[in-house]
Structure formats: structure tokens, C-alpha cells
């Protein structure tokens, strides 16, 4: 299988870090990103540094970060084959307490970050007549949970799902595949020690691990015929719940 260059945003922990690790283990080149320089440097060293790994510090909602990610990928590895828009934030706040500044935090990172990073990378994919964009969404866009106040999160992630489908429609003819992977609760630093408290929401009665998502990201990235899909990797959370 051809060696490819993978760009992963939000790679300083959790899913993003594991995605980077997985592609590196398979022999691909990887460019990792985080807004936090110290954490990104730690991950860079943890992943072994080396000639097939590069890093770019910056907020994804800043268009210059996407441009720098592309420049780094091209200058070091010669291509930009797969973009994994993993950077995102998750918090809870009751709807009636959400102000404009709070909502903007989610729109900036989750939506604008995905939008503008993709906008920076797709021109190179057009030149290559080949490319894959994988966004990270959530099954909760289509499966509300009472008692979990996440309207700001869902507004931004719902937009990412819609963006996925439209980009797939606009660029499919150019052999650019755009998909979203929607994880259930995954054991990551984002969820802390509360992850297992949500195990009962999943039909498998357990939460997922970062490797579960990394494996699916890899599968979708290497597929030539998956496009415009929202793929739940959620242990059955989106399908239903256990009564006991």
C-alpha cells in the first residue's frame, strides 16, 4: 500500500494521538497539530520523532494554521493525502445559560476549525486528484440525551455533519472522499474518570477505547469508495439503550 501523508489536528491527547500513532505504525507520514506547544512536543517525542513525523502548533480556527499544516506536509513529505479534523471541545452548560462568547468557543474550534483547515488542504488534494477528509462528529447529533445540556456542542457538531455531506457532493468528482466518524463515549482525557459512568448508554454496555476510533479512521482513510458517510463507532449508542 502506498505510503501517504496524514494530517491530524487535536493530536496532543486522546483520539488524535492514537490516530497519529496508528498511521505511524502502518508506515505512513504524519503531521500532528495542537494549540498547546508543550503538550504537542511531548507527544512528538512519545511517538518517536523521526523522519516520518512533523508537528505544527496553532489554533485550527486560525486560517494560518491550516496553511502551515499544508506547507509542512508538502515541504517534508511531498503530499497531503488524508486530513483528520479531530480538534474539538466538549463541555456541558444549560441552554438558557449559554451566552455568545460560550457558543463562539464551540463554533470556532469545532466548526470553523474543521471548515478552514479543510479549505486549506483541499487545493492540494485537487492537484493530486485524490484525497480523504475525515471529520470527527458525534452520534448525539441525531440522538438527543435528556439531562445532558450540550446545545452548543451539538449545534457545532451538527454543522460538521452537514458540511461533510456537502463537501462529499462538491468534491466527489475530483476523487476526494469526505466522511465523518461519530464516536460514542471514548475513554480519553476529555471525559476524565467519568467515562465509565456512561457505559449503560451503549448497547455493548461499555465505553470505547481510542484504538477503536483509530482503527476505523485508518479503514476509512484507505478506502476508495466511502464518501459522504456519517459512520457511528459508538457501541450501539445511536441505535438504542439497555433498559436494565
Protein backbone atom coordinates (compact mmCIF):
# COMPACT_ATOMS: atom_id res chain seq x y z
CA UNK A 1 0.00 0.00 0.00
CA UNK A 2 1.28 3.45 -0.98
CA UNK A 3 2.89 5.49 1.78
CA UNK A 4 0.71 8.52 2.47
CA UNK A 5 0.87 11.77 4.40
CA UNK A 6 -1.71 12.17 7.15
CA UNK A 7 -2.55 15.47 8.88
CA UNK A 8 -4.14 15.10 12.31
CA UNK A 9 -5.47 18.08 14.27
CA UNK A 10 -6.01 17.95 18.01
CA UNK A 11 -3.30 15.31 18.32
CA UNK A 12 -1.89 16.13 21.76
CA UNK A 13 -4.06 13.55 23.53
CA UNK A 14 -6.88 11.06 23.23
CA UNK A 15 -8.23 10.08 19.84
CA UNK A 16 -5.93 12.37 17.85
CA UNK A 17 -2.79 11.00 19.44
CA UNK A 18 -3.89 7.41 18.89
CA UNK A 19 -4.79 8.13 15.26
CA UNK A 20 -1.30 9.52 14.70
CA UNK A 21 0.26 6.52 16.42
CA UNK A 22 -1.77 4.09 14.32
CA UNK A 23 -0.78 5.62 10.98
CA UNK A 24 2.86 5.82 12.01
CA UNK A 25 2.79 2.14 12.95
CA UNK A 26 1.44 1.36 9.49
CA UNK A 27 4.34 3.22 7.87
CA UNK A 28 2.70 6.49 6.85
CA UNK A 29 3.98 10.03 7.33
CA UNK A 30 2.09 12.09 9.90
CA UNK A 31 1.82 15.81 10.66
CA UNK A 32 0.38 16.40 14.13
CA UNK A 33 -1.22 19.57 15.44
CA UNK A 34 -2.28 21.07 18.76
CA UNK A 35 -2.84 24.56 20.10
CA UNK A 36 -0.60 23.75 23.08
CA UNK A 37 3.11 23.69 22.22
CA UNK A 38 4.32 21.88 25.32
CA UNK A 39 1.79 19.05 25.02
CA UNK A 40 2.45 18.67 21.31
CA UNK A 41 6.20 18.45 21.87
CA UNK A 42 5.62 15.73 24.48
CA UNK A 43 3.53 13.72 22.04
CA UNK A 44 6.08 14.27 19.28
CA UNK A 45 8.75 12.74 21.50
CA UNK A 46 6.42 9.98 22.72
CA UNK A 47 5.71 8.99 19.12
CA UNK A 48 9.41 8.77 18.44
CA UNK A 49 10.05 11.94 16.47
CA UNK A 50 11.90 10.77 13.41
CA UNK A 51 11.82 11.46 9.72
CA UNK A 52 8.18 10.45 9.18
CA UNK A 53 6.70 12.77 11.82
CA UNK A 54 6.28 16.56 11.91
CA UNK A 55 4.35 18.94 14.13
CA UNK A 56 2.58 22.28 13.77
CA UNK A 57 1.39 24.35 16.74
CA UNK A 58 -1.67 26.55 16.26
CA UNK A 59 -5.40 27.03 16.76
CA UNK A 60 -7.31 25.34 13.96
CA UNK A 61 -9.79 28.20 13.63
CA UNK A 62 -6.89 30.43 12.59
CA UNK A 63 -6.62 30.04 8.80
CA UNK A 64 -2.85 30.40 9.03
CA UNK A 65 -2.66 27.12 10.96
CA UNK A 66 -4.22 25.20 8.08
CA UNK A 67 -1.85 26.88 5.65
CA UNK A 68 1.12 25.94 7.82
CA UNK A 69 -0.08 22.35 8.09
CA UNK A 70 -0.19 22.11 4.31
CA UNK A 71 3.20 23.76 3.85
CA UNK A 72 4.77 21.41 6.38
CA UNK A 73 3.23 18.34 4.76
CA UNK A 74 4.39 19.33 1.27
CA UNK A 75 7.86 20.51 2.21
CA UNK A 76 8.66 17.49 4.37
CA UNK A 77 6.71 14.68 2.72
CA UNK A 78 5.61 15.89 -0.72
CA UNK A 79 1.86 15.34 -0.42
CA UNK A 80 -1.26 15.82 1.71
CA UNK A 81 -3.32 12.67 1.33
CA UNK A 82 -5.53 12.44 4.41
CA UNK A 83 -6.83 15.15 6.74
CA UNK A 84 -8.28 14.10 10.09
CA UNK A 85 -10.20 17.00 11.65
CA UNK A 86 -10.09 15.78 15.23
CA UNK A 87 -9.60 19.03 17.17
CA UNK A 88 -12.68 19.76 19.25
CA UNK A 89 -14.02 20.71 22.65
CA UNK A 90 -16.78 19.20 24.78
CA UNK A 91 -18.44 20.75 27.81
CA UNK A 92 -21.90 20.93 29.32
CA UNK A 93 -23.90 24.07 30.08
CA UNK A 94 -27.68 24.56 30.27
CA UNK A 95 -29.14 26.13 27.14
CA UNK A 96 -30.51 29.18 28.96
CA UNK A 97 -27.05 29.93 30.36
CA UNK A 98 -25.24 29.85 27.01
CA UNK A 99 -24.05 33.31 26.03
CA UNK A 100 -22.50 34.42 22.75
CA UNK A 101 -18.90 34.05 23.94
CA UNK A 102 -19.52 30.48 25.10
CA UNK A 103 -21.24 29.50 21.85
CA UNK A 104 -18.45 31.08 19.82
CA UNK A 105 -15.88 28.84 21.53
CA UNK A 106 -17.61 25.77 20.10
CA UNK A 107 -18.27 27.28 16.70
CA UNK A 108 -14.65 28.42 16.44
CA UNK A 109 -12.97 25.15 17.31
CA UNK A 110 -15.48 22.53 16.20
CA UNK A 111 -16.94 24.15 13.09
CA UNK A 112 -14.63 26.92 11.88
CA UNK A 113 -11.58 24.82 12.70
CA UNK A 114 -12.88 21.96 10.57
CA UNK A 115 -14.07 24.32 7.83
CA UNK A 116 -10.91 26.38 7.41
CA UNK A 117 -8.43 23.54 7.86
CA UNK A 118 -10.23 21.60 5.15
CA UNK A 119 -10.30 24.70 2.98
CA UNK A 120 -6.53 24.96 3.29
CA UNK A 121 -5.84 21.32 2.41
CA UNK A 122 -8.31 20.54 -0.39
CA UNK A 123 -6.49 22.60 -3.07
CA UNK A 124 -3.54 20.22 -2.76
CA UNK A 125 -5.88 17.23 -2.96
CA UNK A 126 -7.34 18.72 -6.14
CA UNK A 127 -3.85 18.87 -7.64
CA UNK A 128 -3.34 15.24 -6.68
CA UNK A 129 -6.84 14.27 -7.89
CA UNK A 130 -7.02 12.22 -4.72
CA UNK A 131 -7.59 12.80 -1.03
CA UNK A 132 -9.58 11.92 2.05
CA UNK A 133 -11.05 14.21 4.71
CA UNK A 134 -12.26 12.58 7.91
CA UNK A 135 -14.18 14.70 10.40
CA UNK A 136 -14.90 13.66 13.96
CA UNK A 137 -18.55 14.12 14.86
CA UNK A 138 -20.95 12.56 17.35
CA UNK A 139 -23.97 10.22 17.18
CA UNK A 140 -25.73 12.64 19.55
CA UNK A 141 -26.42 14.95 16.60
CA UNK A 142 -29.30 12.59 15.77
CA UNK A 143 -29.86 11.09 19.20
CA UNK A 144 -30.59 13.60 21.95
CA UNK A 145 -29.98 12.83 25.61
CA UNK A 146 -32.19 14.47 28.21
CA UNK A 147 -30.28 15.70 31.22
CA UNK A 148 -27.10 16.33 29.24
CA UNK A 149 -27.04 20.07 28.38
CA UNK A 150 -24.86 20.19 25.26
CA UNK A 151 -26.68 22.51 22.86
CA UNK A 152 -23.54 24.47 21.94
CA UNK A 153 -21.65 21.26 21.25
CA UNK A 154 -24.48 19.81 19.15
CA UNK A 155 -25.00 23.00 17.15
CA UNK A 156 -21.35 22.95 16.12
CA UNK A 157 -21.09 19.20 15.52
CA UNK A 158 -24.38 19.10 13.63
CA UNK A 159 -22.90 21.68 11.29
CA UNK A 160 -19.83 19.47 10.82
CA UNK A 161 -22.07 16.57 9.78
CA UNK A 162 -23.84 18.82 7.25
CA UNK A 163 -20.51 20.15 5.99
CA UNK A 164 -19.30 16.59 5.48
CA UNK A 165 -22.18 15.69 3.19
CA UNK A 166 -21.95 18.88 1.15
CA UNK A 167 -18.18 18.62 0.68
CA UNK A 168 -18.59 15.00 -0.41
CA UNK A 169 -21.07 16.20 -3.02
CA UNK A 170 -18.91 19.06 -4.25
CA UNK A 171 -15.59 17.21 -4.48
CA UNK A 172 -16.54 13.60 -5.14
CA UNK A 173 -15.99 14.09 -8.87
CA UNK A 174 -12.39 15.06 -8.03
CA UNK A 175 -11.82 11.76 -6.20
CA UNK A 176 -11.84 13.48 -2.81
CA UNK A 177 -13.78 11.50 -0.23
CA UNK A 178 -15.23 13.29 2.80
CA UNK A 179 -16.68 11.37 5.73
CA UNK A 180 -17.45 11.77 9.42
CA UNK A 181 -16.73 9.25 12.13
CA UNK A 182 -19.04 9.69 15.11
CA UNK A 183 -17.66 8.10 18.31
CA UNK A 184 -19.68 7.15 21.34
CA UNK A 185 -18.13 7.78 24.74
CA UNK A 186 -14.42 7.04 24.43
CA UNK A 187 -12.02 6.69 27.32
CA UNK A 188 -9.96 9.87 26.83
CA UNK A 189 -8.69 12.75 28.97
CA UNK A 190 -11.66 14.78 27.70
CA UNK A 191 -14.06 12.53 29.63
CA UNK A 192 -11.70 12.00 32.56
CA UNK A 193 -12.75 9.47 35.16
CA UNK A 194 -16.43 9.89 34.28
CA UNK A 195 -16.30 7.91 31.04
CA UNK A 196 -17.43 4.60 32.53
CA UNK A 197 -20.45 6.26 34.12
CA UNK A 198 -21.97 6.41 30.63
CA UNK A 199 -21.35 2.76 29.74
CA UNK A 200 -25.05 1.92 30.09
CA UNK A 201 -25.93 4.29 27.25
CA UNK A 202 -24.25 1.89 24.82
CA UNK A 203 -25.83 -1.40 23.78
CA UNK A 204 -22.47 -3.07 24.40
CA UNK A 205 -22.72 -1.76 27.98
CA UNK A 206 -19.20 -0.36 27.88
CA UNK A 207 -17.37 2.69 26.58
CA UNK A 208 -14.94 2.63 23.69
CA UNK A 209 -11.18 2.91 23.61
CA UNK A 210 -9.14 5.27 21.46
CA UNK A 211 -7.86 2.37 19.37
CA UNK A 212 -11.45 1.62 18.31
CA UNK A 213 -11.66 5.01 16.65
CA UNK A 214 -8.12 4.97 15.26
CA UNK A 215 -8.77 1.65 13.53
CA UNK A 216 -11.91 3.00 11.86
CA UNK A 217 -10.18 6.22 10.82
CA UNK A 218 -7.48 4.10 9.17
CA UNK A 219 -10.06 1.92 7.41
CA UNK A 220 -11.95 4.90 6.02
CA UNK A 221 -8.74 6.67 5.02
CA UNK A 222 -7.59 3.70 2.96
CA UNK A 223 -10.97 3.06 1.31
CA UNK A 224 -11.57 4.23 -2.25
CA UNK A 225 -15.37 4.04 -2.17
CA UNK A 226 -16.62 5.52 1.11
CA UNK A 227 -17.89 9.06 0.58
CA UNK A 228 -20.45 11.28 2.28
CA UNK A 229 -20.94 8.84 5.14
CA UNK A 230 -21.61 9.50 8.81
CA UNK A 231 -20.21 6.39 10.49
CA UNK A 232 -21.20 5.73 14.09
CA UNK A 233 -18.49 3.95 16.07
CA UNK A 234 -20.46 4.07 19.27
CA UNK A 235 -21.12 0.64 20.72
CA UNK A 236 -24.77 0.95 19.71
CA UNK A 237 -25.43 4.27 21.46
CA UNK A 238 -27.15 5.70 18.41
CA UNK A 239 -29.24 2.57 17.87
CA UNK A 240 -30.83 2.34 21.31
CA UNK A 241 -30.34 1.75 25.03
CA UNK A 242 -30.50 -1.07 27.53
CA UNK A 243 -33.49 -0.95 29.87
CA UNK A 244 -31.73 -2.62 32.78
